[in-house]
Amino acid sequence: IETSSSIDAWILSRLVETIRFVEANFVSGYNLHLVVKKLREFFYQDFCDFYLECTKPTLKSTSDEKRRERAIKWNILRVCNKCMLLMYHPFMPSITEELWQQVNFEREERQVGEVKSILSQKFPTTKHLAQFKVKKKSIRLFVFQKKIFCHSDTNHI
């Protein structure tokens, strides 16, 4: 997966951390309440409240200079959403199946109902995302920026 900024690498590193946590606590430890809490924290706090809000200006841009960066951001959004649906599926099977059918992550020309079921997909792994490790200093900086961003009226960091 290609990234265009440190915030892209950051969200992917948080996704890796979430996948590892889910693997450790769902499959091995059966700590389902901790798994749901971690999924909710990643999805709402990191992904929706921070990453998505930070990428909106790029995604809304119509300039040709930002075309490549927009494509990268859309791909990261797709990867994060796909992984989240797969990890949420054991807890919300009907909703995640419906969303899976509507989004069509396979990117093939198919009608709703012709898309393979979410049940036919493999659970997310960190194999393709393992290179996204952010140094602790960068994480502290992002946490600081996130606090400022979430408590300010502006949409810029």
C-alpha atoms as a PDB file:
ATOM      1  CA  ILE A   1       0.000   0.000   0.000  1.00  0.00           C
ATOM      2  CA  GLU A   2       1.340   3.352  -1.016  1.00  0.00           C
ATOM      3  CA  THR A   3       1.202   6.372   1.289  1.00  0.00           C
ATOM      4  CA  SER A   4       1.490  10.059   0.462  1.00  0.00           C
ATOM      5  CA  SER A   5       1.982  11.483   3.953  1.00  0.00           C
ATOM      6  CA  SER A   6       2.929  10.584   7.477  1.00  0.00           C
ATOM      7  CA  ILE A   7      -0.724  10.647   8.487  1.00  0.00           C
ATOM      8  CA  ASP A   8      -1.392   7.862   5.957  1.00  0.00           C
ATOM      9  CA  ALA A   9       1.380   5.773   7.492  1.00  0.00           C
ATOM     10  CA  TRP A  10       0.008   6.595  10.939  1.00  0.00           C
ATOM     11  CA  ILE A  11      -3.537   5.370  10.218  1.00  0.00           C
ATOM     12  CA  LEU A  12      -2.169   2.192   8.657  1.00  0.00           C
ATOM     13  CA  SER A  13       0.053   1.625  11.696  1.00  0.00           C
ATOM     14  CA  ARG A  14      -3.026   2.039  13.915  1.00  0.00           C
ATOM     15  CA  LEU A  15      -4.867  -0.453  11.706  1.00  0.00           C
ATOM     16  CA  VAL A  16      -1.990  -2.933  12.120  1.00  0.00           C
ATOM     17  CA  GLU A  17      -2.104  -2.425  15.880  1.00  0.00           C
ATOM     18  CA  THR A  18      -5.866  -3.010  15.892  1.00  0.00           C
ATOM     19  CA  ILE A  19      -5.624  -6.176  13.788  1.00  0.00           C
ATOM     20  CA  ARG A  20      -2.926  -7.567  16.080  1.00  0.00           C
ATOM     21  CA  PHE A  21      -5.008  -6.747  19.148  1.00  0.00           C
ATOM     22  CA  VAL A  22      -8.058  -8.450  17.659  1.00  0.00           C
ATOM     23  CA  GLU A  23      -6.017 -11.528  16.726  1.00  0.00           C
ATOM     24  CA  ALA A  24      -4.591 -11.780  20.237  1.00  0.00           C
ATOM     25  CA  ASN A  25      -7.813 -11.178  22.143  1.00  0.00           C
ATOM     26  CA  PHE A  26     -10.451 -12.716  19.914  1.00  0.00           C
ATOM     27  CA  VAL A  27      -8.833 -15.860  18.632  1.00  0.00           C
ATOM     28  CA  SER A  28      -6.576 -16.635  21.581  1.00  0.00           C
ATOM     29  CA  GLY A  29      -8.072 -14.945  24.602  1.00  0.00           C
ATOM     30  CA  TYR A  30     -11.802 -14.736  23.801  1.00  0.00           C
ATOM     31  CA  ASN A  31     -11.896 -11.271  25.345  1.00  0.00           C
ATOM     32  CA  LEU A  32     -14.767 -10.173  23.151  1.00  0.00           C
ATOM     33  CA  HIS A  33     -15.577  -7.043  25.135  1.00  0.00           C
ATOM     34  CA  LEU A  34     -11.984  -5.807  24.684  1.00  0.00           C
ATOM     35  CA  VAL A  35     -12.094  -6.564  20.971  1.00  0.00           C
ATOM     36  CA  VAL A  36     -15.283  -4.559  20.438  1.00  0.00           C
ATOM     37  CA  LYS A  37     -13.883  -1.691  22.501  1.00  0.00           C
ATOM     38  CA  LYS A  38     -10.671  -1.630  20.432  1.00  0.00           C
ATOM     39  CA  LEU A  39     -12.592  -1.770  17.141  1.00  0.00           C
ATOM     40  CA  ARG A  40     -14.817   1.087  18.252  1.00  0.00           C
ATOM     41  CA  GLU A  41     -11.816   3.180  19.378  1.00  0.00           C
ATOM     42  CA  PHE A  42     -10.022   2.684  16.076  1.00  0.00           C
ATOM     43  CA  PHE A  43     -13.058   3.252  13.891  1.00  0.00           C
ATOM     44  CA  TYR A  44     -14.516   6.296  15.617  1.00  0.00           C
ATOM     45  CA  GLN A  45     -11.522   8.039  17.169  1.00  0.00           C
ATOM     46  CA  ASP A  46      -8.639   7.319  14.832  1.00  0.00           C
ATOM     47  CA  PHE A  47     -10.323   6.656  11.509  1.00  0.00           C
ATOM     48  CA  CYS A  48     -13.481   8.797  11.463  1.00  0.00           C
ATOM     49  CA  ASP A  49     -12.710  11.626  13.870  1.00  0.00           C
ATOM     50  CA  PHE A  50      -9.119  12.168  12.862  1.00  0.00           C
ATOM     51  CA  TYR A  51      -7.973  10.569   9.595  1.00  0.00           C
ATOM     52  CA  LEU A  52     -11.143  11.093   7.621  1.00  0.00           C
ATOM     53  CA  GLU A  53     -11.445  14.695   8.778  1.00  0.00           C
ATOM     54  CA  CYS A  54      -7.791  15.393   7.925  1.00  0.00           C
ATOM     55  CA  THR A  55      -8.152  13.919   4.437  1.00  0.00           C
ATOM     56  CA  LYS A  56     -11.364  15.719   3.480  1.00  0.00           C
ATOM     57  CA  PRO A  57      -9.594  18.708   1.887  1.00  0.00           C
ATOM     58  CA  THR A  58      -7.583  16.369  -0.351  1.00  0.00           C
ATOM     59  CA  LEU A  59     -10.590  14.214  -1.187  1.00  0.00           C
ATOM     60  CA  LYS A  60     -12.707  17.260  -2.052  1.00  0.00           C
ATOM     61  CA  SER A  61      -9.975  18.816  -4.180  1.00  0.00           C
ATOM     62  CA  THR A  62     -10.548  18.781  -7.918  1.00  0.00           C
ATOM     63  CA  SER A  63      -7.065  19.896  -8.927  1.00  0.00           C
ATOM     64  CA  ASP A  64      -5.015  17.677 -11.198  1.00  0.00           C
ATOM     65  CA  GLU A  65      -1.961  18.078  -8.944  1.00  0.00           C
ATOM     66  CA  LYS A  66      -3.774  16.260  -6.147  1.00  0.00           C
ATOM     67  CA  ARG A  67      -5.091  13.426  -8.347  1.00  0.00           C
ATOM     68  CA  ARG A  68      -2.415  10.923  -7.271  1.00  0.00           C
ATOM     69  CA  GLU A  69      -2.708  11.881  -3.603  1.00  0.00           C
ATOM     70  CA  ARG A  70      -6.503  11.535  -3.809  1.00  0.00           C
ATOM     71  CA  ALA A  71      -6.158   8.049  -5.289  1.00  0.00           C
ATOM     72  CA  ILE A  72      -3.777   7.040  -2.493  1.00  0.00           C
ATOM     73  CA  LYS A  73      -6.139   8.357   0.188  1.00  0.00           C
ATOM     74  CA  TRP A  74      -9.141   6.596  -1.388  1.00  0.00           C
ATOM     75  CA  ASN A  75      -7.190   3.343  -1.424  1.00  0.00           C
ATOM     76  CA  ILE A  76      -6.288   3.721   2.257  1.00  0.00           C
ATOM     77  CA  LEU A  77      -9.929   4.456   3.084  1.00  0.00           C
ATOM     78  CA  ARG A  78     -10.923   1.330   1.161  1.00  0.00           C
ATOM     79  CA  VAL A  79      -8.361  -0.845   2.976  1.00  0.00           C
ATOM     80  CA  CYS A  80      -9.385   0.466   6.398  1.00  0.00           C
ATOM     81  CA  ASN A  81     -13.096   0.025   5.681  1.00  0.00           C
ATOM     82  CA  LYS A  82     -12.596  -3.472   4.329  1.00  0.00           C
ATOM     83  CA  CYS A  83     -10.597  -4.545   7.388  1.00  0.00           C
ATOM     84  CA  MET A  84     -13.118  -2.959   9.751  1.00  0.00           C
ATOM     85  CA  LEU A  85     -16.060  -4.741   8.136  1.00  0.00           C
ATOM     86  CA  LEU A  86     -14.220  -8.054   8.335  1.00  0.00           C
ATOM     87  CA  MET A  87     -13.307  -7.549  11.994  1.00  0.00           C
ATOM     88  CA  TYR A  88     -16.792  -6.310  12.961  1.00  0.00           C
ATOM     89  CA  HIS A  89     -18.513  -9.175  11.118  1.00  0.00           C
ATOM     90  CA  PRO A  90     -18.545 -11.678  14.037  1.00  0.00           C
ATOM     91  CA  PHE A  91     -20.373  -9.087  16.142  1.00  0.00           C
ATOM     92  CA  MET A  92     -22.720  -7.574  13.518  1.00  0.00           C
ATOM     93  CA  PRO A  93     -23.120 -10.151  10.745  1.00  0.00           C
ATOM     94  CA  SER A  94     -26.236  -8.785   9.029  1.00  0.00           C
ATOM     95  CA  ILE A  95     -25.075  -5.176   8.895  1.00  0.00           C
ATOM     96  CA  THR A  96     -21.563  -6.002   7.742  1.00  0.00           C
ATOM     97  CA  GLU A  97     -22.859  -8.373   5.060  1.00  0.00           C
ATOM     98  CA  GLU A  98     -25.204  -5.708   3.721  1.00  0.00           C
ATOM     99  CA  LEU A  99     -22.447  -3.084   3.678  1.00  0.00           C
ATOM    100  CA  TRP A 100     -20.073  -5.562   2.045  1.00  0.00           C
ATOM    101  CA  GLN A 101     -22.586  -6.201  -0.728  1.00  0.00           C
ATOM    102  CA  GLN A 102     -23.176  -2.482  -1.270  1.00  0.00           C
ATOM    103  CA  VAL A 103     -19.523  -1.427  -1.328  1.00  0.00           C
ATOM    104  CA  ASN A 104     -18.203  -4.276  -3.548  1.00  0.00           C
ATOM    105  CA  PHE A 105     -14.552  -4.251  -2.477  1.00  0.00           C
ATOM    106  CA  GLU A 106     -13.679  -6.655  -5.275  1.00  0.00           C
ATOM    107  CA  ARG A 107     -14.001  -3.758  -7.735  1.00  0.00           C
ATOM    108  CA  GLU A 108     -15.603  -5.949 -10.322  1.00  0.00           C
ATOM    109  CA  GLU A 109     -18.638  -5.027 -12.351  1.00  0.00           C
ATOM    110  CA  ARG A 110     -21.315  -6.899 -10.425  1.00  0.00           C
ATOM    111  CA  GLN A 111     -24.789  -6.176  -9.225  1.00  0.00           C
ATOM    112  CA  VAL A 112     -25.783  -6.243  -5.568  1.00  0.00           C
ATOM    113  CA  GLY A 113     -26.333  -9.883  -4.633  1.00  0.00           C
ATOM    114  CA  GLU A 114     -23.734 -11.111  -7.135  1.00  0.00           C
ATOM    115  CA  VAL A 115     -20.831  -9.984  -4.951  1.00  0.00           C
ATOM    116  CA  LYS A 116     -19.176 -12.749  -2.978  1.00  0.00           C
ATOM    117  CA  SER A 117     -20.298 -12.886   0.616  1.00  0.00           C
ATOM    118  CA  ILE A 118     -18.181 -11.400   3.363  1.00  0.00           C
ATOM    119  CA  LEU A 119     -18.101 -14.955   4.745  1.00  0.00           C
ATOM    120  CA  SER A 120     -15.933 -16.021   1.807  1.00  0.00           C
ATOM    121  CA  GLN A 121     -13.240 -13.488   2.772  1.00  0.00           C
ATOM    122  CA  LYS A 122     -10.226 -14.160   4.928  1.00  0.00           C
ATOM    123  CA  PHE A 123      -9.875 -12.387   8.232  1.00  0.00           C
ATOM    124  CA  PRO A 124      -7.500  -9.399   7.930  1.00  0.00           C
ATOM    125  CA  THR A 125      -3.846 -10.004   8.624  1.00  0.00           C
ATOM    126  CA  THR A 126      -0.928  -7.660   9.017  1.00  0.00           C
ATOM    127  CA  LYS A 127       1.089  -9.401   6.303  1.00  0.00           C
ATOM    128  CA  HIS A 128       0.654  -6.615   3.736  1.00  0.00           C
ATOM    129  CA  LEU A 129       0.608  -3.834   6.306  1.00  0.00           C
ATOM    130  CA  ALA A 130       3.562  -4.813   8.505  1.00  0.00           C
ATOM    131  CA  GLN A 131       5.851  -2.139   7.081  1.00  0.00           C
ATOM    132  CA  PHE A 132       3.745   0.599   8.676  1.00  0.00           C
ATOM    133  CA  LYS A 133       5.376   1.218  11.994  1.00  0.00           C
ATOM    134  CA  VAL A 134       5.475   4.745  13.309  1.00  0.00           C
ATOM    135  CA  LYS A 135       8.104   5.803  15.799  1.00  0.00           C
ATOM    136  CA  LYS A 136       6.928   6.675  19.312  1.00  0.00           C
ATOM    137  CA  LYS A 137       7.901  10.337  18.847  1.00  0.00           C
ATOM    138  CA  SER A 138       5.661  10.523  15.776  1.00  0.00           C
ATOM    139  CA  ILE A 139       2.825   8.861  17.670  1.00  0.00           C
ATOM    140  CA  ARG A 140       3.126  11.408  20.477  1.00  0.00           C
ATOM    141  CA  LEU A 141       3.059  14.204  17.903  1.00  0.00           C
ATOM    142  CA  PHE A 142      -0.063  12.775  16.256  1.00  0.00           C
ATOM    143  CA  VAL A 143      -1.781  12.346  19.618  1.00  0.00           C
ATOM    144  CA  PHE A 144      -0.974  15.982  20.432  1.00  0.00           C
ATOM    145  CA  GLN A 145      -2.201  17.138  17.018  1.00  0.00           C
ATOM    146  CA  LYS A 146      -5.297  14.990  17.356  1.00  0.00           C
ATOM    147  CA  LYS A 147      -6.140  16.616  20.699  1.00  0.00           C
ATOM    148  CA  ILE A 148      -5.713  20.068  19.193  1.00  0.00           C
ATOM    149  CA  PHE A 149      -7.710  19.105  16.092  1.00  0.00           C
ATOM    150  CA  CYS A 150     -10.589  17.598  18.016  1.00  0.00           C
ATOM    151  CA  HIS A 151     -10.907  20.628  20.300  1.00  0.00           C
ATOM    152  CA  SER A 152     -10.518  23.375  17.719  1.00  0.00           C
ATOM    153  CA  ASP A 153     -12.988  24.899  15.319  1.00  0.00           C
ATOM    154  CA  THR A 154     -10.713  24.613  12.310  1.00  0.00           C
ATOM    155  CA  ASN A 155     -10.310  21.631  10.043  1.00  0.00           C
ATOM    156  CA  HIS A 156      -6.570  21.996   9.763  1.00  0.00           C
ATOM    157  CA  ILE A 157      -3.797  20.679  11.975  1.00  0.00           C
END
